[in-house]
Each structure stands twice: as C-alpha cells, then as structure tokens.
Amino acid sequence: MRHTANRTAPTTTTTTTRNRKPSLLDRLMRPRAATTTTTRSSRRMGRRHRATATTAPVHHHQRKPTLGDRIYGALLRLKGSVTGRSGKKAAGTRRMRGTDGRGSTTRRRRW
C-alpha cells in the first residue's frame, strides 16, 4: 500500500471593510457635508455638433436646520418608514436636511 500525503488546497481569507451606516445620533449631531452635482453632456458617435458651453450646476436652496428640526424630521421619517408611507418619510428627510421650504417666503412690513 502506497503512502500518500494528506494534501488540501490552500485556503485564502479575504476581509472586507465596510463603512457602517451612520446612526440616528450621528446624523443629528454631525453637520452634513455640502454636495454638488455636475452634469455632463454625452456625445453620440457619428454626429457632429457645435461645442456648447456647459452650464453651472444648480445649487438647491437650503436653510440651516435647527436641532429640533433634525429630531422632528428623524421621528417623522421613522414614522413614515414604520407605517409604509414613503411621502412622510421623504418629508422627514427634507425637514432634517433643511430643504423642506420652510422660511422661504418673507413678509414685507407695512408701517
């Protein structure tokens, strides 16, 4: 009987690091970083067009949300997510970020 060595395939382990989702407290206490979006025009092959000037990206008007707005928005978002109403969830997100339109109209004083 022939003696064969017990051979196994080499094992390789890979570890992946994941960025964890920020908690509710992280989102409430930490200021959001301003993000800008840029748009690019796509070129089709086979057609020639004149070069057009690219327009500046549109900056969405947003106010500075207070801590109360962030808490209220988070609770509204939680309520919308639990009840399955996506509109309420979106309203809570807008409230948290200050893009809900509050304070957009100022009244003119008449003496």
Protein backbone atom coordinates (compact mmCIF):
# COMPACT_ATOMS: atom_id res chain seq x y z
CA MET A 1 0.00 0.00 0.00
CA ARG A 2 1.30 3.36 -1.01
CA HIS A 3 1.53 6.21 1.45
CA THR A 4 0.06 9.48 0.11
CA ALA A 5 0.45 12.77 1.90
CA ASN A 6 -2.74 14.42 3.07
CA ARG A 7 -2.89 17.42 0.75
CA THR A 8 -5.50 20.11 0.94
CA ALA A 9 -5.98 23.17 -1.20
CA PRO A 10 -4.52 26.35 0.31
CA THR A 11 -7.18 28.49 1.90
CA THR A 12 -7.25 32.21 1.41
CA THR A 13 -9.26 34.51 3.56
CA THR A 14 -10.31 37.94 2.42
CA THR A 15 -11.50 40.57 4.79
CA THR A 16 -13.68 43.38 3.58
CA THR A 17 -14.07 46.59 5.46
CA ARG A 18 -17.47 48.20 5.27
CA ASN A 19 -18.40 51.71 6.15
CA ARG A 20 -21.17 51.45 8.67
CA LYS A 21 -24.36 53.34 8.21
CA PRO A 22 -24.41 56.45 10.42
CA SER A 23 -26.67 56.11 13.41
CA LEU A 24 -29.51 58.46 14.19
CA LEU A 25 -27.39 60.27 16.77
CA ASP A 26 -24.57 60.64 14.25
CA ARG A 27 -26.95 62.17 11.74
CA LEU A 28 -28.45 64.55 14.27
CA MET A 29 -25.23 65.78 15.86
CA ARG A 30 -22.91 65.90 12.85
CA PRO A 31 -23.31 68.60 10.19
CA ARG A 32 -23.91 67.35 6.70
CA ALA A 33 -21.25 67.92 4.09
CA ALA A 34 -22.39 70.05 1.19
CA THR A 35 -22.56 68.08 -2.03
CA THR A 36 -22.57 69.46 -5.52
CA THR A 37 -23.56 67.68 -8.68
CA THR A 38 -22.08 68.33 -12.06
CA THR A 39 -23.75 67.48 -15.33
CA ARG A 40 -22.01 66.41 -18.49
CA SER A 41 -23.36 66.29 -21.98
CA SER A 42 -22.91 62.94 -23.69
CA ARG A 43 -21.62 62.74 -27.23
CA ARG A 44 -23.14 60.47 -29.82
CA MET A 45 -20.90 58.71 -32.25
CA GLY A 46 -21.38 59.58 -35.88
CA ARG A 47 -22.92 63.00 -35.38
CA ARG A 48 -21.07 66.27 -35.23
CA HIS A 49 -22.39 69.14 -33.21
CA ARG A 50 -21.10 72.52 -32.32
CA ALA A 51 -19.44 72.73 -28.95
CA THR A 52 -21.86 74.17 -26.41
CA ALA A 53 -20.94 75.88 -23.20
CA THR A 54 -21.63 73.82 -20.10
CA THR A 55 -23.93 75.42 -17.59
CA ALA A 56 -23.11 75.76 -13.93
CA PRO A 57 -24.69 73.16 -11.66
CA VAL A 58 -27.89 74.24 -9.95
CA HIS A 59 -27.48 74.84 -6.24
CA HIS A 60 -30.52 73.76 -4.28
CA HIS A 61 -31.54 76.38 -1.73
CA GLN A 62 -31.37 75.03 1.76
CA ARG A 63 -31.66 76.54 5.19
CA LYS A 64 -29.76 75.64 8.34
CA PRO A 65 -31.96 73.15 10.23
CA THR A 66 -32.11 73.53 13.99
CA LEU A 67 -31.62 70.60 16.34
CA GLY A 68 -35.38 70.48 16.85
CA ASP A 69 -35.88 70.25 13.09
CA ARG A 70 -33.44 67.38 12.89
CA ILE A 71 -35.10 65.48 15.71
CA TYR A 72 -38.61 66.15 14.37
CA GLY A 73 -37.53 65.14 10.87
CA ALA A 74 -35.93 61.94 12.13
CA LEU A 75 -39.07 61.00 14.03
CA LEU A 76 -41.25 61.86 11.03
CA ARG A 77 -39.01 59.74 8.86
CA LEU A 78 -39.21 56.86 11.31
CA LYS A 79 -43.00 57.18 11.41
CA GLY A 80 -43.21 57.13 7.62
CA SER A 81 -40.94 54.13 7.40
CA VAL A 82 -42.89 52.16 10.02
CA THR A 83 -46.31 52.97 8.54
CA GLY A 84 -45.10 52.41 4.97
CA ARG A 85 -45.86 55.93 3.79
CA SER A 86 -42.95 56.98 1.62
CA GLY A 87 -44.19 60.57 1.36
CA LYS A 88 -43.96 61.06 5.11
CA LYS A 89 -40.51 59.51 5.10
CA ALA A 90 -39.38 61.88 2.36
CA ALA A 91 -40.86 64.85 4.23
CA GLY A 92 -38.88 63.86 7.30
CA THR A 93 -35.69 63.67 5.27
CA ARG A 94 -36.34 67.11 3.80
CA ARG A 95 -37.03 68.50 7.26
CA MET A 96 -33.76 67.06 8.58
CA ARG A 97 -31.74 68.50 5.71
CA GLY A 98 -33.40 71.90 5.62
CA THR A 99 -34.76 71.53 2.11
CA ASP A 100 -38.42 71.44 3.13
CA GLY A 101 -39.13 75.02 2.03
CA ARG A 102 -39.74 76.47 5.47
CA GLY A 103 -38.76 80.11 5.79
CA SER A 104 -38.62 80.63 2.04
CA THR A 105 -41.15 83.45 1.98
CA THR A 106 -40.54 86.64 3.89
CA ARG A 107 -43.32 89.07 4.53
CA ARG A 108 -42.91 92.73 3.77
CA ARG A 109 -43.54 95.04 6.70
CA ARG A 110 -46.00 97.80 6.20
CA TRP A 111 -45.97 100.58 8.72
